């Protein structure tokens, strides 16, 4: 059966009881791997004077410990280092943000190793800028970054959304990580090309449920594609909303979780019948 997971849920900060209810409502809706934490917003980047990055990982670690204590299967969510730099605000418009990369990467390496020490198996790293037309130096940086971050002993799912991979498709498919999430709502045509390029060991997460539109997903329309994907991927097939549900209402987010679970259940019924 394809694994039903979620990229993000409306976040409520430090309210532990409400957070626990949000995890449970996703689980009750059929989500098997729950998102923990939130991507966060990119703000002002430090300058070249060794000012530290304003990254506070402690709330994420606390949430992981809380979810573990409740017995949930979880997937922490962090913003990718290159998206963090791309979206961050530099003091000088002419400043090359990539110059900060070597100062940022050790912080990510430490965080991923801390998550692994907390028993985390999978982490979701959001890199939506892979759906952008990137300069070549940024494309080159992706391979270097993930060759370094792969050392942390946990599995990594790169999440892309808000468009198709287009000219970055080969780059994204071949990054040294364990899985890739793609948006098939805004870019359905990339499905076949991704399948053709994806290494045989990687998980492929298909975003077939529109997380930005409250209208129900047309489950029947997606089932044919899922049958094909399952035949080619088997247990490496995951299902999720196309994008994070963190910025909508809880009611819509729960609806979208149910739609993802319904897709997984429909695929399982087909598989058993076949």
Protein backbone atom coordinates (compact mmCIF):
# COMPACT_ATOMS: atom_id res chain seq x y z
CA UNK A 1 0.00 0.00 0.00
CA UNK A 2 1.24 3.51 -0.79
CA UNK A 3 2.21 5.43 2.32
CA UNK A 4 -0.06 8.41 3.08
CA UNK A 5 1.83 11.36 4.55
CA UNK A 6 1.40 15.10 4.92
CA UNK A 7 3.82 17.96 4.20
CA UNK A 8 2.58 20.35 6.87
CA UNK A 9 -0.42 21.23 9.04
CA UNK A 10 -1.65 24.54 10.52
CA UNK A 11 0.83 25.28 13.29
CA UNK A 12 -0.10 26.47 16.76
CA UNK A 13 3.22 27.30 18.41
CA UNK A 14 3.78 26.17 21.98
CA UNK A 15 0.28 24.94 22.89
CA UNK A 16 1.12 21.30 23.62
CA UNK A 17 -2.45 20.09 24.08
CA UNK A 18 -3.66 21.63 20.83
CA UNK A 19 -0.58 20.36 19.01
CA UNK A 20 -1.31 16.84 20.25
CA UNK A 21 -4.93 17.11 19.03
CA UNK A 22 -3.71 18.24 15.61
CA UNK A 23 -1.45 15.21 15.34
CA UNK A 24 -4.27 12.90 16.38
CA UNK A 25 -6.78 14.39 13.94
CA UNK A 26 -4.34 13.81 11.06
CA UNK A 27 -3.78 10.25 12.21
CA UNK A 28 -7.53 9.69 12.50
CA UNK A 29 -7.90 11.04 8.93
CA UNK A 30 -5.57 8.30 7.68
CA UNK A 31 -2.15 9.99 7.62
CA UNK A 32 0.52 7.44 8.50
CA UNK A 33 3.57 9.73 8.74
CA UNK A 34 2.85 13.01 10.51
CA UNK A 35 4.70 16.29 9.88
CA UNK A 36 6.34 17.82 12.94
CA UNK A 37 7.51 21.42 13.11
CA UNK A 38 7.09 24.02 10.40
CA UNK A 39 9.19 25.41 7.62
CA UNK A 40 9.20 28.93 9.05
CA UNK A 41 9.82 32.24 7.35
CA UNK A 42 13.12 33.47 5.96
CA UNK A 43 14.11 36.86 7.30
CA UNK A 44 17.23 39.00 7.32
CA UNK A 45 20.41 37.12 6.48
CA UNK A 46 23.59 37.83 8.45
CA UNK A 47 26.31 39.93 6.85
CA UNK A 48 29.95 38.98 6.29
CA UNK A 49 31.02 40.02 9.78
CA UNK A 50 30.48 36.58 11.36
CA UNK A 51 27.06 37.52 12.69
CA UNK A 52 25.32 34.21 13.52
CA UNK A 53 22.31 32.85 11.66
CA UNK A 54 19.01 33.31 13.50
CA UNK A 55 18.12 29.61 13.47
CA UNK A 56 16.44 28.19 16.56
CA UNK A 57 16.02 24.43 16.29
CA UNK A 58 15.01 23.85 19.92
CA UNK A 59 11.22 24.10 19.34
CA UNK A 60 11.51 21.43 16.64
CA UNK A 61 13.48 19.10 18.90
CA UNK A 62 10.91 19.63 21.67
CA UNK A 63 8.06 18.78 19.29
CA UNK A 64 9.84 15.62 18.17
CA UNK A 65 10.25 14.51 21.78
CA UNK A 66 6.58 15.27 22.46
CA UNK A 67 5.37 13.33 19.40
CA UNK A 68 7.66 10.42 20.23
CA UNK A 69 6.24 10.28 23.75
CA UNK A 70 2.75 10.00 22.25
CA UNK A 71 3.84 7.12 20.02
CA UNK A 72 3.34 8.85 16.67
CA UNK A 73 5.21 8.01 13.46
CA UNK A 74 6.64 11.40 12.50
CA UNK A 75 8.60 13.27 9.87
CA UNK A 76 10.17 16.57 11.02
CA UNK A 77 9.93 19.39 8.48
CA UNK A 78 12.74 21.90 7.92
CA UNK A 79 13.34 24.52 5.27
CA UNK A 80 16.16 23.54 2.93
CA UNK A 81 19.40 25.49 3.29
CA UNK A 82 19.40 26.75 -0.30
CA UNK A 83 15.76 27.87 -0.16
CA UNK A 84 16.59 29.56 3.16
CA UNK A 85 19.34 31.58 1.51
CA UNK A 86 17.42 32.26 -1.71
CA UNK A 87 14.38 33.63 0.12
CA UNK A 88 16.32 35.46 2.84
CA UNK A 89 16.88 39.21 2.67
CA UNK A 90 20.45 40.36 2.18
CA UNK A 91 21.48 43.79 3.45
CA UNK A 92 23.18 44.56 0.15
CA UNK A 93 21.30 43.78 -3.05
CA UNK A 94 24.59 42.93 -4.78
CA UNK A 95 25.68 40.47 -2.09
CA UNK A 96 26.16 36.88 -3.24
CA UNK A 97 24.07 34.87 -0.75
CA UNK A 98 25.92 31.69 -1.61
CA UNK A 99 28.94 33.12 0.24
CA UNK A 100 27.03 32.33 3.44
CA UNK A 101 26.59 28.66 2.60
CA UNK A 102 29.70 27.38 4.35
CA UNK A 103 28.59 29.08 7.57
CA UNK A 104 25.06 27.69 7.30
CA UNK A 105 25.75 24.05 6.46
CA UNK A 106 27.32 23.05 9.81
CA UNK A 107 24.13 24.21 11.56
CA UNK A 108 22.04 21.94 9.35
CA UNK A 109 24.43 19.05 9.84
CA UNK A 110 24.20 19.46 13.62
CA UNK A 111 20.39 19.66 13.51
CA UNK A 112 20.01 16.54 11.36
CA UNK A 113 22.34 14.58 13.60
CA UNK A 114 20.37 15.74 16.66
CA UNK A 115 17.14 14.55 15.00
CA UNK A 116 18.74 11.20 14.26
CA UNK A 117 19.79 10.93 17.92
CA UNK A 118 16.13 11.50 18.88
CA UNK A 119 15.16 8.43 16.85
CA UNK A 120 13.93 10.18 13.70
CA UNK A 121 13.98 7.94 10.60
CA UNK A 122 12.79 10.47 7.96
CA UNK A 123 13.16 14.23 7.72
CA UNK A 124 11.41 16.40 5.12
CA UNK A 125 13.60 19.14 3.67
CA UNK A 126 11.60 21.75 1.74
CA UNK A 127 13.40 23.07 -1.35
CA UNK A 128 10.63 24.75 -3.38
CA UNK A 129 13.18 26.85 -5.28
CA UNK A 130 13.84 23.75 -7.36
CA UNK A 131 10.67 24.82 -9.20
CA UNK A 132 12.42 28.09 -10.16
CA UNK A 133 14.70 28.91 -13.06
CA UNK A 134 17.94 28.89 -11.07
CA UNK A 135 21.34 30.34 -12.01
CA UNK A 136 23.97 27.70 -12.66
CA UNK A 137 25.93 28.44 -9.49
CA UNK A 138 22.83 27.70 -7.40
CA UNK A 139 22.26 24.46 -9.30
CA UNK A 140 25.86 23.47 -8.62
CA UNK A 141 25.40 24.25 -4.93
CA UNK A 142 22.57 21.72 -4.57
CA UNK A 143 24.79 18.75 -5.27
CA UNK A 144 27.50 20.01 -2.92
CA UNK A 145 25.04 20.73 -0.12
CA UNK A 146 23.35 17.35 -0.18
CA UNK A 147 26.61 15.44 -0.53
CA UNK A 148 27.51 17.01 2.82
CA UNK A 149 24.12 16.57 4.48
CA UNK A 150 23.79 12.94 3.44
CA UNK A 151 26.30 12.07 6.17
CA UNK A 152 23.65 12.51 8.88
CA UNK A 153 22.27 9.02 9.68
CA UNK A 154 18.61 9.54 8.80
CA UNK A 155 16.60 9.43 5.58
CA UNK A 156 15.88 12.66 3.72
CA UNK A 157 12.86 13.53 1.57
CA UNK A 158 13.30 16.64 -0.59
CA UNK A 159 9.93 18.36 -1.01
CA UNK A 160 9.31 20.51 -4.09
CA UNK A 161 6.04 22.29 -4.79
CA UNK A 162 4.40 25.38 -6.32
CA UNK A 163 5.31 24.26 -9.81
CA UNK A 164 7.23 21.76 -11.88
CA UNK A 165 10.94 20.99 -11.83
CA UNK A 166 11.40 21.72 -15.55
CA UNK A 167 15.12 22.42 -16.12
CA UNK A 168 15.97 21.19 -12.61
CA UNK A 169 14.31 17.80 -13.05
CA UNK A 170 17.48 15.80 -13.55
CA UNK A 171 19.20 17.67 -10.72
CA UNK A 172 16.36 16.99 -8.27
CA UNK A 173 15.96 13.35 -9.28
CA UNK A 174 19.64 12.60 -8.73
CA UNK A 175 20.37 14.46 -5.49
CA UNK A 176 21.98 12.11 -2.92
CA UNK A 177 18.86 11.79 -0.76
CA UNK A 178 16.36 9.01 -0.13
CA UNK A 179 13.17 10.49 -1.58
CA UNK A 180 11.59 13.26 -3.64
CA UNK A 181 8.15 14.89 -3.44
CA UNK A 182 6.71 16.47 -6.59
CA UNK A 183 3.71 18.69 -7.25
CA UNK A 184 1.40 17.00 -9.76
CA UNK A 185 -1.41 19.53 -9.28
CA UNK A 186 0.41 22.49 -10.82
CA UNK A 187 2.73 20.40 -12.98
CA UNK A 188 1.13 17.05 -13.89
CA UNK A 189 3.24 16.66 -17.02
CA UNK A 190 6.42 16.07 -15.03
CA UNK A 191 5.22 12.68 -13.75
CA UNK A 192 6.54 10.54 -16.59
CA UNK A 193 9.87 12.35 -16.85
CA UNK A 194 10.49 11.98 -13.12
CA UNK A 195 9.74 8.26 -13.20
CA UNK A 196 12.17 7.84 -16.08
CA UNK A 197 14.97 9.67 -14.21
CA UNK A 198 14.46 8.57 -10.60
CA UNK A 199 17.10 6.15 -9.26
CA UNK A 200 15.71 2.75 -8.32
CA UNK A 201 16.35 3.13 -4.59
CA UNK A 202 14.39 6.36 -4.06
CA UNK A 203 10.93 6.98 -2.69
CA UNK A 204 8.71 9.12 -4.92
CA UNK A 205 5.98 11.12 -3.19
CA UNK A 206 3.19 12.22 -5.52
CA UNK A 207 1.31 15.41 -4.70
CA UNK A 208 -2.06 14.72 -6.28
CA UNK A 209 -4.32 16.53 -3.80
CA UNK A 210 -4.59 20.31 -4.22
CA UNK A 211 -3.70 21.78 -0.86
CA UNK A 212 -4.61 25.32 -1.92
CA UNK A 213 -8.14 24.62 -3.16
CA UNK A 214 -10.94 23.62 -0.83
CA UNK A 215 -12.76 21.76 -3.61
CA UNK A 216 -12.59 17.96 -3.23
CA UNK A 217 -9.98 16.05 -5.18
CA UNK A 218 -11.26 14.02 -8.15
CA UNK A 219 -10.14 10.66 -6.80
CA UNK A 220 -11.22 8.65 -9.83
CA UNK A 221 -9.09 10.81 -12.14
CA UNK A 222 -5.99 10.12 -10.06
CA UNK A 223 -6.45 6.37 -9.70
CA UNK A 224 -5.24 5.47 -13.18
CA UNK A 225 -1.98 7.36 -12.62
CA UNK A 226 -1.59 5.75 -9.20
CA UNK A 227 -2.03 2.27 -10.62
CA UNK A 228 0.78 2.95 -13.07
CA UNK A 229 2.98 4.46 -10.35
CA UNK A 230 2.42 1.51 -8.04
CA UNK A 231 3.34 -0.98 -10.74
CA UNK A 232 6.62 0.85 -11.28
CA UNK A 233 7.47 1.90 -7.72
CA UNK A 234 5.82 -0.63 -5.40
CA UNK A 235 6.61 0.21 -1.77
CA UNK A 236 8.57 3.29 -2.87
CA UNK A 237 5.31 5.12 -3.68
CA UNK A 238 4.13 7.76 -1.19
CA UNK A 239 1.07 10.01 -1.45
CA UNK A 240 0.58 13.53 -0.07
CA UNK A 241 -1.04 16.88 -0.76
CA UNK A 242 0.80 18.76 -3.49
CA UNK A 243 1.97 21.38 -0.98
CA UNK A 244 2.01 22.03 2.75
CA UNK A 245 -1.35 22.56 4.42
CA UNK A 246 0.19 24.86 7.03
CA UNK A 247 -1.31 28.09 5.70
CA UNK A 248 -5.00 27.11 5.49
CA UNK A 249 -7.67 26.30 8.04
CA UNK A 250 -7.65 23.17 10.14
CA UNK A 251 -10.97 22.08 8.61
CA UNK A 252 -9.62 22.21 5.05
CA UNK A 253 -6.36 20.58 6.12
CA UNK A 254 -8.26 17.64 7.64
CA UNK A 255 -10.32 17.30 4.45
CA UNK A 256 -7.14 17.15 2.37
CA UNK A 257 -5.62 14.55 4.68
CA UNK A 258 -8.72 12.41 4.22
CA UNK A 259 -8.45 12.75 0.44
CA UNK A 260 -4.84 11.56 0.51
CA UNK A 261 -5.83 8.59 2.67
CA UNK A 262 -8.75 7.83 0.33
CA UNK A 263 -6.36 7.71 -2.63
CA UNK A 264 -4.12 5.27 -0.77
CA UNK A 265 -7.12 3.12 0.19
CA UNK A 266 -8.47 3.10 -3.38
CA UNK A 267 -5.09 2.03 -4.69
CA UNK A 268 -4.93 -0.77 -2.12
CA UNK A 269 -8.40 -2.00 -3.12
CA UNK A 270 -7.29 -2.08 -6.76
CA UNK A 271 -4.07 -3.89 -5.86
CA UNK A 272 -5.88 -6.55 -3.82
CA UNK A 273 -8.54 -7.04 -6.51
CA UNK A 274 -5.86 -7.43 -9.15
